[in-house]
N, C-alpha and C. Protein backbone atom coordinates (compact mmCIF):
# COMPACT_ATOMS: atom_id res chain seq x y z
N MET A 1 7.23 -17.00 -13.60
CA MET A 1 7.77 -16.24 -12.47
C MET A 1 7.44 -17.00 -11.19
N HIS A 2 8.38 -17.05 -10.29
CA HIS A 2 8.23 -17.76 -9.03
C HIS A 2 7.16 -17.10 -8.17
N GLU A 3 6.49 -17.86 -7.33
CA GLU A 3 5.40 -17.36 -6.49
C GLU A 3 5.84 -16.28 -5.51
N ASP A 4 7.13 -16.21 -5.19
CA ASP A 4 7.63 -15.22 -4.23
C ASP A 4 7.67 -13.82 -4.82
N TRP A 5 7.55 -13.69 -6.13
CA TRP A 5 7.60 -12.40 -6.81
C TRP A 5 6.22 -12.07 -7.37
N ILE A 6 5.78 -10.82 -7.17
CA ILE A 6 4.48 -10.43 -7.70
C ILE A 6 4.62 -9.14 -8.50
N THR A 7 3.63 -8.87 -9.33
CA THR A 7 3.65 -7.68 -10.17
C THR A 7 3.37 -6.43 -9.35
N THR A 8 3.63 -5.27 -9.93
CA THR A 8 3.34 -4.02 -9.23
C THR A 8 1.84 -3.86 -9.02
N ARG A 9 1.04 -4.35 -9.95
CA ARG A 9 -0.42 -4.29 -9.78
C ARG A 9 -0.86 -5.10 -8.56
N GLU A 10 -0.32 -6.33 -8.45
CA GLU A 10 -0.64 -7.18 -7.30
C GLU A 10 -0.12 -6.55 -6.01
N ALA A 11 1.04 -5.91 -6.09
CA ALA A 11 1.61 -5.24 -4.92
C ALA A 11 0.70 -4.12 -4.45
N GLY A 12 0.17 -3.35 -5.41
CA GLY A 12 -0.76 -2.28 -5.07
C GLY A 12 -2.01 -2.80 -4.39
N GLU A 13 -2.51 -3.92 -4.89
CA GLU A 13 -3.69 -4.53 -4.28
C GLU A 13 -3.38 -4.99 -2.86
N LEU A 14 -2.22 -5.58 -2.66
CA LEU A 14 -1.84 -6.08 -1.34
C LEU A 14 -1.71 -4.93 -0.34
N LEU A 15 -1.10 -3.82 -0.76
CA LEU A 15 -0.89 -2.68 0.12
C LEU A 15 -2.06 -1.70 0.11
N GLN A 16 -3.03 -1.95 -0.75
CA GLN A 16 -4.20 -1.09 -0.92
C GLN A 16 -3.78 0.34 -1.30
N VAL A 17 -2.88 0.42 -2.28
CA VAL A 17 -2.42 1.70 -2.82
C VAL A 17 -2.38 1.59 -4.34
N GLY A 18 -2.20 2.70 -5.01
CA GLY A 18 -2.13 2.71 -6.46
C GLY A 18 -0.73 2.42 -6.97
N ALA A 19 -0.63 2.23 -8.27
CA ALA A 19 0.65 1.93 -8.91
C ALA A 19 1.65 3.06 -8.71
N SER A 20 1.18 4.32 -8.69
CA SER A 20 2.10 5.44 -8.50
C SER A 20 2.75 5.39 -7.12
N ARG A 21 2.00 4.95 -6.11
CA ARG A 21 2.56 4.84 -4.75
C ARG A 21 3.60 3.71 -4.71
N ILE A 22 3.36 2.63 -5.43
CA ILE A 22 4.34 1.54 -5.49
C ILE A 22 5.64 2.07 -6.11
N ARG A 23 5.53 2.82 -7.21
CA ARG A 23 6.72 3.39 -7.85
C ARG A 23 7.44 4.35 -6.90
N GLN A 24 6.67 5.12 -6.14
CA GLN A 24 7.26 6.05 -5.18
C GLN A 24 8.04 5.28 -4.10
N LEU A 25 7.48 4.18 -3.62
CA LEU A 25 8.16 3.36 -2.61
C LEU A 25 9.45 2.76 -3.17
N VAL A 26 9.45 2.42 -4.45
CA VAL A 26 10.67 1.93 -5.10
C VAL A 26 11.70 3.04 -5.16
N LEU A 27 11.29 4.25 -5.58
CA LEU A 27 12.22 5.38 -5.68
C LEU A 27 12.78 5.77 -4.31
N GLU A 28 11.97 5.61 -3.26
CA GLU A 28 12.42 5.90 -1.90
C GLU A 28 13.37 4.83 -1.36
N GLY A 29 13.46 3.70 -2.05
CA GLY A 29 14.31 2.62 -1.60
C GLY A 29 13.65 1.70 -0.59
N ARG A 30 12.36 1.88 -0.38
CA ARG A 30 11.65 1.04 0.58
C ARG A 30 11.27 -0.31 -0.02
N LEU A 31 11.26 -0.39 -1.34
CA LEU A 31 11.04 -1.64 -2.05
C LEU A 31 12.13 -1.78 -3.11
N VAL A 32 12.63 -2.99 -3.26
CA VAL A 32 13.66 -3.25 -4.27
C VAL A 32 13.05 -4.17 -5.33
N PRO A 33 12.86 -3.65 -6.53
CA PRO A 33 12.23 -4.46 -7.57
C PRO A 33 13.23 -5.28 -8.37
N MET A 34 12.71 -6.27 -9.05
CA MET A 34 13.49 -7.00 -10.05
C MET A 34 12.85 -6.64 -11.38
N LYS A 35 13.65 -6.22 -12.32
CA LYS A 35 13.11 -5.85 -13.62
C LYS A 35 13.29 -7.01 -14.57
N ARG A 36 12.21 -7.34 -15.26
CA ARG A 36 12.24 -8.39 -16.26
C ARG A 36 11.58 -7.82 -17.51
N GLY A 37 12.40 -7.51 -18.50
CA GLY A 37 11.88 -6.81 -19.66
C GLY A 37 11.50 -5.40 -19.23
N ARG A 38 10.27 -5.01 -19.48
CA ARG A 38 9.82 -3.69 -19.06
C ARG A 38 9.01 -3.73 -17.77
N ASP A 39 8.82 -4.93 -17.24
CA ASP A 39 7.99 -5.10 -16.05
C ASP A 39 8.83 -5.15 -14.77
N LEU A 40 8.24 -4.67 -13.68
CA LEU A 40 8.87 -4.74 -12.37
C LEU A 40 8.16 -5.79 -11.53
N PHE A 41 8.94 -6.53 -10.78
CA PHE A 41 8.40 -7.53 -9.87
C PHE A 41 8.96 -7.25 -8.49
N LEU A 42 8.15 -7.53 -7.47
CA LEU A 42 8.53 -7.26 -6.09
C LEU A 42 8.37 -8.53 -5.27
N ARG A 43 9.24 -8.67 -4.29
CA ARG A 43 9.17 -9.85 -3.42
C ARG A 43 7.98 -9.73 -2.48
N ARG A 44 7.19 -10.78 -2.44
CA ARG A 44 6.01 -10.80 -1.55
C ARG A 44 6.44 -10.59 -0.09
N GLU A 45 7.56 -11.18 0.30
CA GLU A 45 8.06 -11.04 1.67
C GLU A 45 8.33 -9.58 2.01
N ASP A 46 8.94 -8.83 1.08
CA ASP A 46 9.22 -7.41 1.29
C ASP A 46 7.92 -6.61 1.44
N LEU A 47 6.92 -6.98 0.65
CA LEU A 47 5.64 -6.27 0.71
C LEU A 47 4.91 -6.54 2.01
N GLU A 48 4.98 -7.76 2.51
CA GLU A 48 4.34 -8.09 3.79
C GLU A 48 5.00 -7.29 4.91
N ARG A 49 6.33 -7.18 4.87
CA ARG A 49 7.06 -6.39 5.87
C ARG A 49 6.65 -4.92 5.79
N LEU A 50 6.63 -4.40 4.57
CA LEU A 50 6.28 -3.00 4.37
C LEU A 50 4.83 -2.73 4.75
N LYS A 51 3.96 -3.67 4.51
CA LYS A 51 2.55 -3.51 4.87
C LYS A 51 2.43 -3.29 6.37
N THR A 52 3.19 -4.03 7.16
CA THR A 52 3.19 -3.86 8.62
C THR A 52 3.73 -2.48 8.99
N GLU A 53 4.82 -2.06 8.35
CA GLU A 53 5.40 -0.74 8.62
C GLU A 53 4.42 0.38 8.29
N LEU A 54 3.78 0.28 7.14
CA LEU A 54 2.85 1.32 6.72
C LEU A 54 1.64 1.40 7.65
N ALA A 55 1.20 0.25 8.14
CA ALA A 55 0.06 0.22 9.07
C ALA A 55 0.41 0.99 10.34
N ARG A 56 1.66 0.91 10.79
CA ARG A 56 2.10 1.64 11.98
C ARG A 56 2.18 3.14 11.70
N GLU A 57 2.55 3.50 10.47
CA GLU A 57 2.73 4.90 10.11
C GLU A 57 1.42 5.62 9.85
N ARG A 58 0.44 4.92 9.33
CA ARG A 58 -0.84 5.55 8.97
C ARG A 58 -1.65 5.85 10.22
N PRO A 59 -2.25 7.03 10.27
CA PRO A 59 -3.16 7.31 11.40
C PRO A 59 -4.40 6.44 11.27
N HIS A 60 -4.93 6.06 12.40
CA HIS A 60 -6.14 5.24 12.37
C HIS A 60 -7.31 6.09 11.91
N LYS A 61 -8.15 5.51 11.09
CA LYS A 61 -9.32 6.23 10.62
C LYS A 61 -10.37 6.22 11.73
N ARG A 62 -10.84 7.39 12.04
CA ARG A 62 -11.87 7.52 13.06
C ARG A 62 -13.04 8.27 12.46
N GLY A 63 -14.09 8.29 13.19
CA GLY A 63 -15.26 9.04 12.75
C GLY A 63 -14.98 10.54 12.81
N PRO A 64 -15.96 11.35 12.42
CA PRO A 64 -15.76 12.80 12.45
C PRO A 64 -15.54 13.29 13.87
N LYS A 65 -14.81 14.41 14.01
CA LYS A 65 -14.51 14.97 15.32
C LYS A 65 -15.63 15.87 15.82
N PHE A 66 -16.67 15.95 15.08
CA PHE A 66 -17.81 16.77 15.47
C PHE A 66 -19.06 15.92 15.46
N LYS A 67 -20.04 16.36 16.21
CA LYS A 67 -21.28 15.62 16.29
C LYS A 67 -22.24 16.17 15.23
N VAL A 68 -22.79 15.29 14.45
CA VAL A 68 -23.73 15.68 13.41
C VAL A 68 -25.11 15.81 14.06
N GLN A 69 -25.69 17.01 13.94
CA GLN A 69 -27.04 17.20 14.48
C GLN A 69 -28.02 17.18 13.32
N ARG A 70 -29.01 16.40 13.47
CA ARG A 70 -30.03 16.27 12.43
C ARG A 70 -31.28 17.06 12.82
N PRO A 71 -31.99 17.54 11.83
CA PRO A 71 -33.25 18.25 12.13
C PRO A 71 -34.20 17.34 12.88
N GLY A 72 -34.91 17.87 13.84
CA GLY A 72 -35.87 17.08 14.60
C GLY A 72 -35.31 16.59 15.93
N GLY A 73 -34.03 16.96 16.22
CA GLY A 73 -33.46 16.65 17.51
C GLY A 73 -32.91 15.25 17.69
N ALA A 74 -32.88 14.41 16.66
CA ALA A 74 -32.39 13.04 16.82
C ALA A 74 -30.91 12.95 16.74
C-alpha cells in the first residue's frame, strides 16, 4: 500500500480517537475510504485536513471551573 494511505487504526492514532469514531466520520462523509478486501484505508492528506477541522471544533480543555480547597487552608 502506498504511503499516502493509512489504516483505520493508524487514522485513529493520528486523530487521537477510536476506531468507532473513524467509522462514524466515514458514515458522515467527512472521510472517504478506499476498501481493499475487508480493510479500509484513508488518505493521510484527508486526515491531516480533518485533524485541523476537528481541533477548531473541539472546546479547549481547561482546568476545573471551581477552586479546590484543601484542608489546612492551602
